[in-house]
Amino acid sequence: MTSPIGLHRVLEPGGVLPQAALRLDNSPEIAADEVRIAVERLNLDAASFRQLATKHGGDGAAVRAEVLEIIGARGKMQNPVTGSGGMLIGTVEAVGPDSPLGLKVGDRVATLVSLTLTPLSITDGLKHWDGGGEQVPCEGHAILFARSIAAVLPADMDPELALAVMDVCGAPALTARVVARYDNPTVAVIGGAGKSGSLSLAAAKAAGASRTVGVVPIERERTLLEDAGLADAVAMADARNPVALAEAVEAALGGRAADVTVVCVDVPGCEHGAILSTADGGTVIFFSMATSFAAAALGAEGLAADVTMLVGNGYVPGHAAYALDLLRQVPAVRALFESRLHHEASRATSGTAD
C-alpha cells in the first residue's frame, strides 16, 4: 500500500518520514498516485553547496564526486552536514492514474519540495557539471508523491532563471505575509544581494515596509545592491558579528532596530546578530539552512529579546507564482538574478568541466 507522503519509499530506518530517512527507494516504477520526472537540472541549496565547496577547497571534481556519492548512497540529495538539499527541474515522463498533482506527460516542471525527501537517481555521472556552481545539469529520474508540490515552468523565462527563483520562492511570500501584519514597518534583510534576499527586499516594499535595509558582507555586493536600488539603504557588516551587525542596521534606520529582520545568508553564526538587530515586538524570519535554532532560541532568551522567531519552511500557498511575478514586475530583481546566472555560466565555460 502506498502513502501520499512517501512512507512506502523509506528503506531505513523504518517509521520515519522520507526527509528524515537515511535511504529511500529511488526505483523508477511508479505507484498509482506517483509521478516520475526525467531530471534535467538540480539546484543545490546554497548552504549545502557552500559547505561542500569549503570542505573540498573549491575542488569541483571532488564536490561532484561527493554529490554523486550522497545520491548513490541515500537515493536522494541530502547533505549529511547541513541536512539540506535543493530542488530540480525536469520533464514529466509518467503519471500514475491516481496522482492528484494535475501534471501530464510532457510538462516541464520545477519541484517545489526539497531534494531531501525526493527519491532521485542520477544516470550520467554528472559529466556536464564541473562542481563549481549550485545549478547542476544532469540526467536521471525523480519521484513525486501525492503530497508533493510542482509547478509548470513559465513560458516567458529561461528554465534556469525560473529554477533559481523557485528555489527560494518561499522567502518573499512569507516576508510579505509578515510585513503586512505591521503598520509601516522597517525591514532589514541580511544577505540582501542574494537570491532570496533580493526577492525579500522587493516583497517587503510591496507589502508596505516604510524603510528597507539590505545588509551585505563585502563591497562588491554593496555596490551591486546600491546600483539595483532595491533597498532604501545598504549596510555592510559581517552577520556573524552580532554587535557590528546590530550597529550597522540601527545606523541605516536612523538609530532604531528593525521591526522585521529576514535572514537569508548561508553561513552559520548569524542568529544573535539578527536578534540584536530586531526591535522588541518584532519578528525574525530565518530562511538559512545554516541556522542553529538552538542558538537562536537560547540567544533570544539570554538577550531578553521579546521577538517572534519564525522558521521559513519554504512553503506558502501561491509562493511560486508570487515570486515569479516579483521577478516580472521589479526589473532590478530580474537583473540581479540574470547577472548571477551569467556569472556562473561564464565561470563554467572557462573552467575544466568534462
Protein backbone atom coordinates (compact mmCIF):
# COMPACT_ATOMS: atom_id res chain seq x y z
CA MET A 1 0.00 0.00 0.00
CA THR A 2 1.36 3.41 -0.94
CA SER A 3 1.42 6.52 1.22
CA PRO A 4 0.62 10.04 -0.08
CA ILE A 5 3.64 11.34 1.86
CA GLY A 6 6.01 8.66 0.58
CA LEU A 7 6.36 6.36 3.57
CA HIS A 8 6.44 3.36 1.22
CA ARG A 9 9.70 4.70 -0.28
CA VAL A 10 11.54 4.75 3.06
CA LEU A 11 14.11 1.95 3.24
CA GLU A 12 15.83 2.84 6.51
CA PRO A 13 15.17 3.45 9.27
CA GLY A 14 11.57 2.38 9.38
CA GLY A 15 8.88 4.59 10.85
CA VAL A 16 10.27 7.96 9.72
CA LEU A 17 9.23 10.41 7.04
CA PRO A 18 11.21 10.49 3.77
CA GLN A 19 13.04 13.68 4.77
CA ALA A 20 14.39 12.03 7.93
CA ALA A 21 15.25 8.73 6.23
CA LEU A 22 18.82 7.64 5.68
CA ARG A 23 17.89 5.88 2.45
CA LEU A 24 14.98 6.00 0.01
CA ASP A 25 13.81 3.62 -2.69
CA ASN A 26 14.54 5.55 -5.91
CA SER A 27 13.37 2.85 -8.33
CA PRO A 28 11.68 4.24 -11.46
CA GLU A 29 8.49 2.18 -11.25
CA ILE A 30 5.69 4.44 -10.01
CA ALA A 31 2.72 3.74 -7.78
CA ALA A 32 -0.79 4.77 -8.81
CA ASP A 33 -0.50 8.18 -7.10
CA GLU A 34 3.11 8.97 -8.03
CA VAL A 35 4.76 10.94 -10.84
CA ARG A 36 8.15 10.26 -12.44
CA ILE A 37 10.24 13.19 -13.65
CA ALA A 38 13.07 12.97 -16.19
CA VAL A 39 15.55 15.23 -14.43
CA GLU A 40 17.37 17.97 -16.36
CA ARG A 41 18.93 20.14 -13.66
CA LEU A 42 19.36 20.24 -9.90
CA ASN A 43 19.63 23.44 -7.91
CA LEU A 44 21.62 22.68 -4.77
CA ASP A 45 20.71 24.52 -1.58
CA ALA A 46 23.14 27.40 -1.05
CA ALA A 47 24.20 26.29 2.43
CA SER A 48 24.82 22.76 1.18
CA PHE A 49 26.87 23.86 -1.81
CA ARG A 50 28.93 26.26 0.32
CA GLN A 51 29.70 23.50 2.82
CA LEU A 52 30.80 21.11 0.09
CA ALA A 53 32.88 23.72 -1.75
CA THR A 54 34.57 24.78 1.50
CA LYS A 55 35.23 21.19 2.56
CA HIS A 56 36.97 20.42 -0.74
CA GLY A 57 38.77 23.75 -1.07
CA GLY A 58 36.94 24.66 -4.26
CA ASP A 59 37.94 21.41 -6.00
CA GLY A 60 34.97 20.96 -8.34
CA ALA A 61 35.78 17.37 -9.19
CA ALA A 62 35.75 16.45 -5.50
CA VAL A 63 32.46 18.29 -4.97
CA ARG A 64 30.94 16.47 -7.93
CA ALA A 65 32.17 13.11 -6.62
CA GLU A 66 30.67 13.71 -3.18
CA VAL A 67 27.29 14.77 -4.59
CA LEU A 68 27.23 11.56 -6.64
CA GLU A 69 28.21 9.57 -3.56
CA ILE A 70 25.43 11.14 -1.48
CA ILE A 71 22.75 10.48 -4.09
CA GLY A 72 24.01 6.95 -4.72
CA ALA A 73 24.06 6.06 -1.04
CA ARG A 74 20.84 7.77 0.05
CA GLY A 75 18.61 7.63 -3.02
CA LYS A 76 18.09 11.37 -2.62
CA MET A 77 20.21 14.52 -2.38
CA GLN A 78 20.61 15.40 1.29
CA ASN A 79 23.88 16.87 2.52
CA PRO A 80 24.67 14.95 5.72
CA VAL A 81 26.30 18.01 7.29
CA THR A 82 23.74 20.73 6.55
CA GLY A 83 20.76 18.39 6.24
CA SER A 84 19.59 20.38 3.21
CA GLY A 85 19.18 19.52 -0.46
CA GLY A 86 17.69 21.84 -3.06
CA MET A 87 15.21 21.30 -5.88
CA LEU A 88 15.11 20.28 -9.55
CA ILE A 89 13.59 20.86 -12.96
CA GLY A 90 12.69 18.22 -15.50
CA THR A 91 10.00 16.81 -17.76
CA VAL A 92 7.13 14.64 -16.61
CA GLU A 93 7.53 11.21 -18.19
CA ALA A 94 4.97 9.13 -16.30
CA VAL A 95 1.86 9.94 -14.25
CA GLY A 96 0.00 7.44 -12.09
CA PRO A 97 -3.78 7.32 -12.65
CA ASP A 98 -4.49 8.44 -9.07
CA SER A 99 -1.99 11.31 -8.91
CA PRO A 100 -3.67 14.50 -7.61
CA LEU A 101 -0.90 16.87 -8.81
CA GLY A 102 -2.58 17.82 -12.08
CA LEU A 103 0.53 17.12 -14.16
CA LYS A 104 0.62 15.44 -17.55
CA VAL A 105 3.32 13.71 -19.54
CA GLY A 106 5.49 16.27 -21.33
CA ASP A 107 5.06 19.08 -18.78
CA ARG A 108 8.33 20.83 -17.90
CA VAL A 109 8.21 21.41 -14.18
CA ALA A 110 10.14 22.60 -11.18
CA THR A 111 9.66 20.65 -7.98
CA LEU A 112 8.75 22.83 -5.02
CA VAL A 113 9.64 20.22 -2.44
CA SER A 114 13.13 19.59 -1.15
CA LEU A 115 15.53 17.09 -2.68
CA THR A 116 15.97 15.82 0.90
CA LEU A 117 12.69 13.93 0.58
CA THR A 118 12.59 13.30 -3.19
CA PRO A 119 13.66 9.86 -4.47
CA LEU A 120 16.38 10.62 -7.00
CA SER A 121 18.64 8.65 -9.34
CA ILE A 122 21.43 10.14 -11.49
CA THR A 123 22.47 8.19 -14.59
CA ASP A 124 25.07 10.37 -16.34
CA GLY A 125 27.68 10.69 -13.60
CA LEU A 126 27.12 14.48 -13.63
CA LYS A 127 29.51 14.63 -16.56
CA HIS A 128 28.27 18.05 -17.67
CA TRP A 129 28.81 19.69 -14.25
CA ASP A 130 32.18 20.99 -13.11
CA GLY A 131 31.21 21.10 -9.43
CA GLY A 132 31.70 24.86 -9.29
CA GLY A 133 28.13 26.16 -9.04
CA GLU A 134 24.77 25.48 -7.43
CA GLN A 135 23.00 24.57 -10.68
CA VAL A 136 23.77 21.02 -11.77
CA PRO A 137 22.92 19.83 -15.32
CA CYS A 138 22.24 16.11 -15.19
CA GLU A 139 20.26 13.13 -16.40
CA GLY A 140 18.23 10.78 -14.26
CA HIS A 141 14.81 10.49 -12.72
CA ALA A 142 12.95 11.66 -9.61
CA ILE A 143 9.69 10.58 -7.98
CA LEU A 144 6.94 12.87 -6.69
CA PHE A 145 4.38 11.71 -4.13
CA ALA A 146 0.70 12.60 -3.90
CA ARG A 147 1.56 15.30 -1.32
CA SER A 148 4.48 16.70 -3.33
CA ILE A 149 4.35 20.11 -5.00
CA ALA A 150 5.48 21.01 -8.52
CA ALA A 151 4.92 23.96 -10.83
CA VAL A 152 4.89 24.01 -14.60
CA LEU A 153 7.75 26.22 -15.82
CA PRO A 154 6.62 29.60 -17.17
CA ALA A 155 6.92 30.13 -20.90
CA ASP A 156 8.26 33.68 -20.61
CA MET A 157 11.62 32.94 -18.98
CA ASP A 158 14.56 30.59 -19.32
CA PRO A 159 14.27 27.39 -17.26
CA GLU A 160 17.50 28.18 -15.39
CA LEU A 161 16.11 31.56 -14.34
CA ALA A 162 12.79 30.06 -13.28
CA LEU A 163 14.62 27.36 -11.29
CA ALA A 164 16.72 29.96 -9.48
CA VAL A 165 13.58 31.87 -8.50
CA MET A 166 11.52 28.85 -7.48
CA ASP A 167 14.40 27.58 -5.35
CA VAL A 168 13.82 30.47 -2.93
CA CYS A 169 10.17 31.35 -3.60
CA GLY A 170 9.10 30.72 -0.01
CA ALA A 171 11.20 33.63 1.25
CA PRO A 172 9.43 36.56 -0.44
CA ALA A 173 5.97 35.10 0.15
CA LEU A 174 6.48 34.70 3.90
CA THR A 175 8.26 38.05 4.13
CA ALA A 176 5.28 39.75 2.51
CA ARG A 177 2.86 37.99 4.87
CA VAL A 178 4.79 39.07 7.97
CA VAL A 179 5.44 42.64 6.83
CA ALA A 180 1.75 43.14 6.03
CA ARG A 181 0.88 42.45 9.68
CA TYR A 182 2.73 45.60 10.78
CA ASP A 183 1.87 49.25 10.23
CA ASN A 184 4.61 50.76 8.02
CA PRO A 185 7.40 48.60 9.47
CA THR A 186 11.12 48.88 8.95
CA VAL A 187 12.69 45.76 7.45
CA ALA A 188 16.29 44.54 7.42
CA VAL A 189 17.29 41.74 5.06
CA ILE A 190 20.59 40.10 5.94
CA GLY A 191 22.08 38.84 2.69
CA GLY A 192 20.11 41.35 0.64
CA ALA A 193 22.12 40.92 -2.57
CA GLY A 194 21.44 37.19 -2.86
CA LYS A 195 18.56 35.33 -4.49
CA SER A 196 16.21 35.06 -1.52
CA GLY A 197 17.44 38.38 -0.13
CA SER A 198 16.74 40.45 -3.22
CA LEU A 199 13.27 38.92 -3.60
CA SER A 200 12.57 39.52 0.09
CA LEU A 201 13.53 43.19 -0.22
CA ALA A 202 11.15 43.60 -3.14
CA ALA A 203 8.41 41.73 -1.28
CA ALA A 204 8.86 43.84 1.86
CA LYS A 205 8.47 47.07 -0.08
CA ALA A 206 5.43 45.75 -1.95
CA ALA A 207 3.83 44.68 1.36
CA GLY A 208 4.12 48.14 2.91
CA ALA A 209 7.55 48.48 4.51
CA SER A 210 8.31 52.13 5.29
CA ARG A 211 12.08 51.63 5.01
CA THR A 212 14.20 48.66 3.94
CA VAL A 213 17.83 47.90 4.65
CA GLY A 214 19.88 45.35 2.76
CA VAL A 215 22.86 44.02 4.70
CA VAL A 216 25.83 42.64 2.75
CA PRO A 217 29.30 41.44 3.80
CA ILE A 218 31.54 42.85 1.06
CA GLU A 219 31.98 46.00 -1.02
CA ARG A 220 31.16 44.32 -4.33
CA GLU A 221 27.74 43.28 -3.05
CA ARG A 222 27.12 46.70 -1.58
CA THR A 223 27.78 48.31 -4.95
CA LEU A 224 25.58 45.71 -6.67
CA LEU A 225 22.66 46.33 -4.29
CA GLU A 226 23.04 50.12 -4.32
CA ASP A 227 23.06 50.16 -8.11
CA ALA A 228 19.95 47.97 -8.17
CA GLY A 229 18.06 50.35 -5.89
CA LEU A 230 16.16 47.53 -4.19
CA ALA A 231 16.81 48.79 -0.66
CA ASP A 232 16.33 52.25 0.82
CA ALA A 233 19.71 51.81 2.50
CA VAL A 234 22.56 49.33 2.18
CA ALA A 235 24.70 48.42 5.21
CA MET A 236 27.91 46.44 5.17
CA ALA A 237 28.62 44.11 8.08
CA ASP A 238 29.69 40.58 8.89
CA ALA A 239 26.46 38.94 10.02
CA ARG A 240 28.45 36.65 12.32
CA ASN A 241 29.49 39.67 14.42
CA PRO A 242 26.35 40.41 16.46
CA VAL A 243 27.31 43.86 17.73
CA ALA A 244 28.64 45.09 14.39
CA LEU A 245 25.53 43.82 12.58
CA ALA A 246 23.11 45.44 15.02
CA GLU A 247 25.02 48.72 14.89
CA ALA A 248 25.01 48.71 11.08
CA VAL A 249 21.26 48.08 10.93
CA GLU A 250 20.47 50.75 13.52
CA ALA A 251 22.67 53.28 11.76
CA ALA A 252 20.86 52.62 8.49
CA LEU A 253 17.49 53.02 10.25
CA GLY A 254 18.32 56.27 11.99
CA GLY A 255 19.17 54.83 15.39
CA ARG A 256 16.45 52.19 15.76
CA ALA A 257 16.25 48.45 15.32
CA ALA A 258 14.20 46.78 12.59
CA ASP A 259 10.63 45.68 13.07
CA VAL A 260 11.22 42.70 10.81
CA THR A 261 14.59 41.05 10.18
CA VAL A 262 14.95 38.46 7.43
CA VAL A 263 18.00 36.17 7.48
CA CYS A 264 18.97 34.96 4.01
CA VAL A 265 22.67 34.18 4.40
CA ASP A 266 24.08 30.68 4.01
CA VAL A 267 26.71 30.73 6.76
CA PRO A 268 26.28 29.67 10.40
CA GLY A 269 26.57 32.02 13.36
CA CYS A 270 24.16 34.79 12.33
CA GLU A 271 21.42 34.12 14.88
CA HIS A 272 22.44 36.52 17.66
CA GLY A 273 23.12 39.41 15.34
CA ALA A 274 19.69 39.04 13.75
CA ILE A 275 18.04 39.07 17.19
CA LEU A 276 20.00 42.14 18.31
CA SER A 277 19.01 43.90 15.10
CA THR A 278 15.30 43.42 15.82
CA ALA A 279 13.15 45.71 17.98
CA ASP A 280 11.05 44.40 20.89
CA GLY A 281 7.78 43.13 19.48
CA GLY A 282 9.45 42.50 16.15
CA THR A 283 9.89 39.35 14.09
CA VAL A 284 12.96 37.47 12.89
CA ILE A 285 12.50 35.17 9.89
CA PHE A 286 15.24 32.58 9.45
CA PHE A 287 15.47 31.30 5.88
CA SER A 288 19.02 29.98 6.00
CA MET A 289 19.54 26.24 6.35
CA ALA A 290 22.76 27.14 8.19
CA THR A 291 20.70 28.45 11.13
CA SER A 292 21.10 26.82 14.53
CA PHE A 293 17.68 27.03 16.04
CA ALA A 294 19.04 26.14 19.47
CA ALA A 295 21.40 29.12 19.21
CA ALA A 296 18.51 31.32 18.14
CA ALA A 297 16.21 30.26 20.97
CA LEU A 298 18.86 30.39 23.69
CA GLY A 299 20.30 33.61 22.28
CA ALA A 300 16.94 35.38 22.41
CA GLU A 301 16.46 34.19 25.98
CA GLY A 302 19.93 35.30 27.01
CA LEU A 303 19.46 38.72 25.42
CA ALA A 304 15.99 39.16 27.00
CA ALA A 305 14.73 39.81 23.48
CA ASP A 306 10.96 39.97 23.08
CA VAL A 307 10.90 38.87 19.45
CA THR A 308 8.94 36.32 17.47
CA MET A 309 11.18 33.93 15.56
CA LEU A 310 9.89 32.10 12.51
CA VAL A 311 11.36 29.21 10.55
CA GLY A 312 10.98 29.83 6.82
CA ASN A 313 9.72 26.42 5.78
CA GLY A 314 9.80 27.15 2.06
CA TYR A 315 6.07 26.80 1.50
CA VAL A 316 3.36 29.43 1.45
CA PRO A 317 0.27 28.92 -0.73
CA GLY A 318 0.88 30.61 -4.09
CA HIS A 319 4.56 31.21 -3.34
CA ALA A 320 5.90 30.24 -6.77
CA ALA A 321 3.51 32.48 -8.70
CA TYR A 322 4.18 35.34 -6.28
CA ALA A 323 7.97 35.12 -6.67
CA LEU A 324 7.78 34.85 -10.45
CA ASP A 325 5.50 37.90 -10.58
CA LEU A 326 8.00 39.87 -8.47
CA LEU A 327 10.69 38.97 -10.97
CA ARG A 328 8.50 40.19 -13.82
CA GLN A 329 7.41 43.40 -12.08
CA VAL A 330 10.68 44.51 -10.47
CA PRO A 331 13.39 44.83 -13.16
CA ALA A 332 16.16 45.23 -10.56
CA VAL A 333 15.42 41.79 -9.12
CA ARG A 334 15.49 40.17 -12.54
CA ALA A 335 18.75 41.94 -13.35
CA LEU A 336 20.38 40.59 -10.18
CA PHE A 337 19.25 37.04 -10.94
CA GLU A 338 20.38 37.20 -14.57
CA SER A 339 23.73 38.66 -13.55
CA ARG A 340 24.27 35.80 -11.12
CA LEU A 341 23.37 33.18 -13.73
CA HIS A 342 25.60 34.86 -16.32
CA HIS A 343 28.50 34.84 -13.88
CA GLU A 344 28.03 31.14 -13.15
CA ALA A 345 27.73 30.31 -16.85
CA SER A 346 30.90 32.29 -17.66
CA ARG A 347 32.81 30.54 -14.90
CA ALA A 348 31.65 27.14 -16.11
CA THR A 349 32.58 27.94 -19.73
CA SER A 350 36.09 28.97 -18.75
CA GLY A 351 36.52 26.07 -16.33
CA THR A 352 37.52 22.48 -16.80
CA ALA A 353 34.22 20.65 -16.94
CA ASP A 354 34.23 17.32 -18.74
